């Protein structure tokens, strides 16, 4: 059996958009998605990718301004009379004022519009940075620095949504002692096929943070129920997961079949909640669930004062 270690994870950054996790070195033209603040090549401070995109957009604006200035200068130089010179200068001044007014009013829209093409253009450089980070993860694994390996892979996982990344994170997490106070993930780890390591991790998560079990996890468990039951104490795990579904009424309604099938393995405190829910919603299509709950309570908790009078 693998010896597990106690760890304290680095806090993850909370961002509204994934691209906000990207940092860039303007000098080396490299990207970074981890927590370092300065480029490892030139030691310059990383800049937010949005700021780098704004610099590129500003250069476009400056280029257009220079072209406009060149056009006005040519118009002035080509003037043959004083009236033509005044007209050229007046039109040029009007164009400059109009140019600055448009930039002030709509410049932010242009920066937003240019941002997506900028990211598309920088895809290869960003991919190169992610590959470099994955190489760092490989070095951490060889040195058995599993905490560092997981934290780096967790950041990379915001940009690469593949089973390979998910399974790597699961394997790292299975080296740790999980606690209630830890910042754990579950939905972001669900693989597209059955994975024994994921089920092992799920078993530990249900014990310490059952609130992480949501619809996608319940769908996964229902889909691969037959595989899970082949594992040691598979029925108990299914009962714990079914008990986690009792947190929300919509989950109870949608996964009644799962709850009824494994009601004998639902922990006592969760069964008590189920009894109260079944009593309240008995006539809302919960008849089968009510009957299964009553049978379980009558056979094992008939003399338990907490269950008295509920059903």
Protein backbone atom coordinates (compact mmCIF):
# COMPACT_ATOMS: atom_id res chain seq x y z
CA UNK A 1 0.00 0.00 0.00
CA UNK A 2 1.31 3.45 -0.96
CA UNK A 3 2.48 5.58 1.96
CA UNK A 4 0.64 8.90 1.86
CA UNK A 5 2.12 12.21 2.93
CA UNK A 6 0.62 15.30 4.52
CA UNK A 7 0.89 18.48 2.45
CA UNK A 8 -0.31 22.09 2.41
CA UNK A 9 -1.22 23.19 -1.10
CA UNK A 10 -0.34 26.57 -2.53
CA UNK A 11 -3.47 28.71 -2.92
CA UNK A 12 -4.74 28.88 -6.49
CA UNK A 13 -5.39 32.23 -8.10
CA UNK A 14 -9.02 33.11 -8.67
CA UNK A 15 -9.60 34.63 -12.10
CA UNK A 16 -12.70 35.44 -14.10
CA UNK A 17 -11.10 34.24 -17.35
CA UNK A 18 -8.46 31.62 -18.05
CA UNK A 19 -6.30 34.01 -20.07
CA UNK A 20 -5.78 36.08 -16.92
CA UNK A 21 -3.53 33.28 -15.66
CA UNK A 22 -1.12 33.93 -18.53
CA UNK A 23 1.97 36.06 -17.94
CA UNK A 24 4.42 37.18 -20.58
CA UNK A 25 8.01 38.36 -20.83
CA UNK A 26 8.16 41.12 -23.45
CA UNK A 27 11.92 40.82 -23.80
CA UNK A 28 12.17 37.04 -24.36
CA UNK A 29 8.71 36.69 -25.94
CA UNK A 30 7.92 33.77 -23.64
CA UNK A 31 4.87 32.90 -21.59
CA UNK A 32 4.37 31.58 -18.06
CA UNK A 33 1.34 30.12 -16.26
CA UNK A 34 2.83 29.29 -12.87
CA UNK A 35 3.49 31.55 -9.88
CA UNK A 36 6.94 32.95 -10.67
CA UNK A 37 7.01 36.73 -11.03
CA UNK A 38 10.23 37.14 -13.04
CA UNK A 39 11.47 35.51 -16.24
CA UNK A 40 13.97 32.73 -15.64
CA UNK A 41 15.93 33.75 -18.75
CA UNK A 42 16.34 37.53 -18.41
CA UNK A 43 15.04 38.15 -14.85
CA UNK A 44 12.61 40.80 -16.09
CA UNK A 45 9.22 40.99 -14.45
CA UNK A 46 6.40 39.14 -16.17
CA UNK A 47 3.51 41.19 -17.52
CA UNK A 48 -0.18 40.22 -17.78
CA UNK A 49 -0.93 38.98 -21.28
CA UNK A 50 -3.68 41.59 -21.63
CA UNK A 51 -1.10 44.32 -21.08
CA UNK A 52 1.15 42.85 -23.76
CA UNK A 53 -1.78 42.73 -26.19
CA UNK A 54 -2.56 46.39 -25.39
CA UNK A 55 1.04 47.31 -26.28
CA UNK A 56 0.67 45.61 -29.66
CA UNK A 57 -2.64 47.40 -30.28
CA UNK A 58 -1.03 50.71 -29.33
CA UNK A 59 1.65 50.12 -31.94
CA UNK A 60 -1.06 49.62 -34.55
CA UNK A 61 -2.59 52.94 -33.50
CA UNK A 62 0.77 54.69 -33.64
CA UNK A 63 1.39 53.29 -37.12
CA UNK A 64 -1.96 54.63 -38.31
CA UNK A 65 -1.16 58.01 -36.73
CA UNK A 66 2.18 58.16 -38.53
CA UNK A 67 0.51 57.28 -41.84
CA UNK A 68 -2.04 60.02 -41.28
CA UNK A 69 0.72 62.50 -40.44
CA UNK A 70 2.59 61.48 -43.60
CA UNK A 71 -0.56 61.99 -45.68
CA UNK A 72 -1.10 65.48 -44.23
CA UNK A 73 2.55 66.41 -44.78
CA UNK A 74 2.34 65.30 -48.41
CA UNK A 75 -0.83 67.33 -48.85
CA UNK A 76 0.90 70.42 -47.43
CA UNK A 77 4.00 69.92 -49.57
CA UNK A 78 1.89 69.50 -52.70
CA UNK A 79 0.00 72.76 -52.08
CA UNK A 80 0.82 75.34 -54.77
CA UNK A 81 -1.09 78.29 -53.42
CA UNK A 82 -1.68 79.80 -50.01
CA UNK A 83 -5.34 78.78 -50.07
CA UNK A 84 -4.43 75.18 -50.89
CA UNK A 85 -1.89 75.24 -48.06
CA UNK A 86 -4.48 76.54 -45.60
CA UNK A 87 -7.05 73.97 -46.76
CA UNK A 88 -4.51 71.13 -46.44
CA UNK A 89 -3.48 72.31 -42.97
CA UNK A 90 -7.09 72.77 -41.87
CA UNK A 91 -8.20 69.36 -43.15
CA UNK A 92 -5.11 67.79 -41.55
CA UNK A 93 -5.89 69.41 -38.22
CA UNK A 94 -9.51 68.23 -38.47
CA UNK A 95 -8.34 64.67 -39.23
CA UNK A 96 -5.98 64.71 -36.23
CA UNK A 97 -8.75 65.90 -33.91
CA UNK A 98 -11.14 63.28 -35.33
CA UNK A 99 -8.46 60.58 -34.97
CA UNK A 100 -7.82 61.39 -31.30
CA UNK A 101 -11.55 61.61 -30.55
CA UNK A 102 -12.19 58.18 -32.09
CA UNK A 103 -9.30 56.66 -30.15
CA UNK A 104 -10.51 58.14 -26.89
CA UNK A 105 -14.09 57.00 -27.43
CA UNK A 106 -13.56 53.61 -29.06
CA UNK A 107 -9.97 52.69 -28.15
CA UNK A 108 -11.06 50.21 -25.45
CA UNK A 109 -13.31 48.41 -27.97
CA UNK A 110 -10.39 48.11 -30.37
CA UNK A 111 -8.18 46.64 -27.65
CA UNK A 112 -10.86 44.06 -26.88
CA UNK A 113 -11.35 43.26 -30.57
CA UNK A 114 -7.61 42.81 -31.11
CA UNK A 115 -7.12 40.60 -28.06
CA UNK A 116 -8.51 37.33 -29.50
CA UNK A 117 -6.50 37.61 -32.77
CA UNK A 118 -3.45 38.33 -30.60
CA UNK A 119 -3.98 35.15 -28.56
CA UNK A 120 -4.52 33.15 -31.75
CA UNK A 121 -1.28 34.52 -33.14
CA UNK A 122 0.56 33.61 -29.94
CA UNK A 123 -0.74 30.02 -29.68
CA UNK A 124 2.56 28.38 -30.59
CA UNK A 125 4.51 30.43 -28.05
CA UNK A 126 1.95 29.59 -25.36
CA UNK A 127 2.11 25.88 -26.27
CA UNK A 128 5.89 26.01 -26.01
CA UNK A 129 5.58 27.45 -22.49
CA UNK A 130 3.15 24.70 -21.44
CA UNK A 131 5.48 22.00 -22.80
CA UNK A 132 8.33 23.57 -20.83
CA UNK A 133 6.20 23.47 -17.68
CA UNK A 134 5.38 19.81 -18.30
CA UNK A 135 9.09 19.07 -18.52
CA UNK A 136 9.47 20.70 -15.10
CA UNK A 137 6.71 18.42 -13.81
CA UNK A 138 8.61 15.40 -15.13
CA UNK A 139 11.70 16.53 -13.23
CA UNK A 140 9.65 16.95 -10.05
CA UNK A 141 8.25 13.43 -10.39
CA UNK A 142 11.73 11.94 -10.80
CA UNK A 143 12.79 13.77 -7.65
CA UNK A 144 9.58 12.62 -5.89
CA UNK A 145 8.46 16.21 -5.38
CA UNK A 146 4.81 15.21 -5.85
CA UNK A 147 3.37 18.33 -4.26
CA UNK A 148 5.23 20.61 -6.69
CA UNK A 149 4.31 18.30 -9.56
CA UNK A 150 0.62 18.45 -8.68
CA UNK A 151 0.53 22.22 -8.19
CA UNK A 152 2.20 22.82 -11.55
CA UNK A 153 -0.03 20.33 -13.33
CA UNK A 154 -3.06 21.95 -11.70
CA UNK A 155 -2.11 25.28 -13.30
CA UNK A 156 -1.38 23.67 -16.66
CA UNK A 157 -4.77 21.93 -16.46
CA UNK A 158 -6.51 25.30 -16.83
CA UNK A 159 -5.20 25.36 -20.43
CA UNK A 160 -5.06 21.67 -21.39
CA UNK A 161 -8.25 19.70 -20.85
CA UNK A 162 -7.17 16.15 -21.59
CA UNK A 163 -7.38 12.79 -19.85
CA UNK A 164 -3.58 12.73 -19.67
CA UNK A 165 -3.49 15.85 -17.52
CA UNK A 166 -6.43 14.68 -15.41
CA UNK A 167 -4.90 11.26 -14.72
CA UNK A 168 -1.56 12.85 -13.84
CA UNK A 169 -3.24 15.07 -11.27
CA UNK A 170 -5.17 12.11 -9.85
CA UNK A 171 -1.99 10.05 -9.49
CA UNK A 172 -0.28 12.92 -7.64
CA UNK A 173 -3.29 13.52 -5.38
CA UNK A 174 -3.34 9.85 -4.39
CA UNK A 175 0.06 10.42 -2.75
CA UNK A 176 -1.44 12.86 -0.23
CA UNK A 177 -3.48 12.64 2.95
CA UNK A 178 -6.67 14.53 2.13
CA UNK A 179 -8.23 16.85 4.70
CA UNK A 180 -11.39 18.91 5.04
CA UNK A 181 -9.45 22.19 4.96
CA UNK A 182 -7.70 21.44 1.67
CA UNK A 183 -8.53 23.12 -1.63
CA UNK A 184 -9.45 19.95 -3.52
CA UNK A 185 -10.86 19.48 -7.00
CA UNK A 186 -13.14 16.75 -8.34
CA UNK A 187 -15.22 17.76 -11.36
CA UNK A 188 -12.12 18.95 -13.24
CA UNK A 189 -10.59 15.48 -12.78
CA UNK A 190 -13.38 13.29 -14.18
CA UNK A 191 -11.88 11.25 -17.05
CA UNK A 192 -13.78 10.28 -20.18
CA UNK A 193 -13.41 6.56 -19.41
CA UNK A 194 -13.25 4.39 -16.30
CA UNK A 195 -10.11 4.95 -14.27
CA UNK A 196 -9.30 3.01 -11.11
CA UNK A 197 -7.08 5.77 -9.69
CA UNK A 198 -9.89 8.30 -10.05
CA UNK A 199 -12.26 6.01 -8.12
CA UNK A 200 -9.61 5.63 -5.41
CA UNK A 201 -9.35 9.41 -5.18
CA UNK A 202 -13.15 9.76 -5.21
CA UNK A 203 -13.36 7.36 -2.26
CA UNK A 204 -11.17 9.70 -0.17
CA UNK A 205 -12.90 12.90 -1.33
CA UNK A 206 -16.33 11.57 -0.34
CA UNK A 207 -15.02 11.06 3.18
CA UNK A 208 -13.63 14.57 3.69
CA UNK A 209 -15.51 16.84 1.26
CA UNK A 210 -18.75 15.20 0.06
CA UNK A 211 -19.97 18.60 -1.13
CA UNK A 212 -17.65 18.24 -4.13
CA UNK A 213 -19.85 15.44 -5.50
CA UNK A 214 -22.04 17.03 -8.16
CA UNK A 215 -24.04 15.95 -11.19
CA UNK A 216 -21.08 15.08 -13.43
CA UNK A 217 -19.60 12.86 -10.70
CA UNK A 218 -22.92 11.12 -10.11
CA UNK A 219 -23.29 10.54 -13.86
CA UNK A 220 -19.79 9.04 -13.96
CA UNK A 221 -20.52 6.72 -11.04
CA UNK A 222 -23.81 5.61 -12.56
CA UNK A 223 -22.12 4.94 -15.92
CA UNK A 224 -19.30 2.84 -14.44
CA UNK A 225 -21.18 1.31 -11.53
CA UNK A 226 -20.37 -2.25 -12.59
CA UNK A 227 -16.61 -1.52 -12.55
CA UNK A 228 -16.75 0.23 -9.18
CA UNK A 229 -18.58 -2.72 -7.61
CA UNK A 230 -15.69 -4.99 -8.57
CA UNK A 231 -13.36 -3.00 -6.33
CA UNK A 232 -12.87 -3.73 -2.65
CA UNK A 233 -15.74 -2.25 -0.62
CA UNK A 234 -17.33 -1.05 -3.83
CA UNK A 235 -20.84 -1.21 -2.36
CA UNK A 236 -19.83 1.00 0.56
CA UNK A 237 -18.36 3.55 -1.84
CA UNK A 238 -21.55 3.56 -3.92
CA UNK A 239 -23.55 4.06 -0.71
CA UNK A 240 -21.39 7.02 0.32
CA UNK A 241 -21.77 8.61 -3.11
CA UNK A 242 -25.53 8.01 -3.08
CA UNK A 243 -25.59 9.66 0.35
CA UNK A 244 -23.74 12.68 -1.10
CA UNK A 245 -26.56 13.12 -3.62
CA UNK A 246 -28.94 13.87 -0.74
CA UNK A 247 -27.51 17.36 -0.35
CA UNK A 248 -29.85 18.73 -3.03
CA UNK A 249 -33.44 17.84 -3.82
CA UNK A 250 -32.91 17.89 -7.64
CA UNK A 251 -30.14 15.30 -7.23
CA UNK A 252 -32.44 13.08 -5.17
CA UNK A 253 -35.11 13.26 -7.87
CA UNK A 254 -32.68 12.55 -10.71
CA UNK A 255 -30.74 9.74 -9.01
CA UNK A 256 -33.52 7.92 -7.16
CA UNK A 257 -32.52 4.63 -8.82
CA UNK A 258 -28.97 4.94 -7.50
CA UNK A 259 -30.14 5.83 -4.01
CA UNK A 260 -32.65 2.96 -3.86
CA UNK A 261 -30.14 0.42 -5.17
CA UNK A 262 -27.52 1.29 -2.54
CA UNK A 263 -29.76 2.43 0.29
CA UNK A 264 -28.43 -0.39 2.50
CA UNK A 265 -24.96 1.21 2.35
CA UNK A 266 -25.94 4.84 2.92
CA UNK A 267 -24.43 6.09 6.22
CA UNK A 268 -26.82 6.60 9.12
CA UNK A 269 -26.68 10.41 9.20
CA UNK A 270 -27.40 10.58 5.47
CA UNK A 271 -30.22 8.05 5.81
CA UNK A 272 -31.75 10.29 8.46
CA UNK A 273 -31.78 13.18 5.99
CA UNK A 274 -33.23 10.89 3.33
CA UNK A 275 -36.05 9.86 5.67
CA UNK A 276 -36.98 13.49 6.28
CA UNK A 277 -36.86 14.31 2.57
CA UNK A 278 -38.88 11.22 1.61
CA UNK A 279 -41.53 12.10 4.17
CA UNK A 280 -41.81 15.70 2.94
CA UNK A 281 -41.95 14.83 -0.78
CA UNK A 282 -43.67 11.46 -0.56
CA UNK A 283 -46.45 12.41 -3.01
CA UNK A 284 -44.17 14.14 -5.56
CA UNK A 285 -43.13 11.01 -7.44
CA UNK A 286 -41.04 9.69 -4.56
CA UNK A 287 -43.27 6.73 -3.72
CA UNK A 288 -40.65 4.07 -4.54
CA UNK A 289 -37.95 5.99 -2.72
CA UNK A 290 -40.24 6.45 0.29
CA UNK A 291 -41.00 2.73 0.40
CA UNK A 292 -37.31 1.76 0.15
CA UNK A 293 -36.39 4.24 2.86
CA UNK A 294 -39.14 2.99 5.16
CA UNK A 295 -38.01 -0.62 4.72
CA UNK A 296 -34.44 0.31 5.58
CA UNK A 297 -35.45 2.34 8.63
CA UNK A 298 -37.88 -0.31 9.89
CA UNK A 299 -35.32 -3.08 9.57
CA UNK A 300 -32.29 -1.33 11.10
CA UNK A 301 -33.39 1.81 12.97
CA UNK A 302 -36.84 0.89 14.33
CA UNK A 303 -35.73 1.65 17.89
CA UNK A 304 -33.53 4.65 17.07
CA UNK A 305 -35.13 7.74 18.67
CA UNK A 306 -33.81 10.03 15.89
CA UNK A 307 -35.91 8.14 13.35
CA UNK A 308 -39.03 7.88 15.50
CA UNK A 309 -42.13 9.32 13.89
CA UNK A 310 -40.47 10.49 10.69
CA UNK A 311 -41.93 7.85 8.35
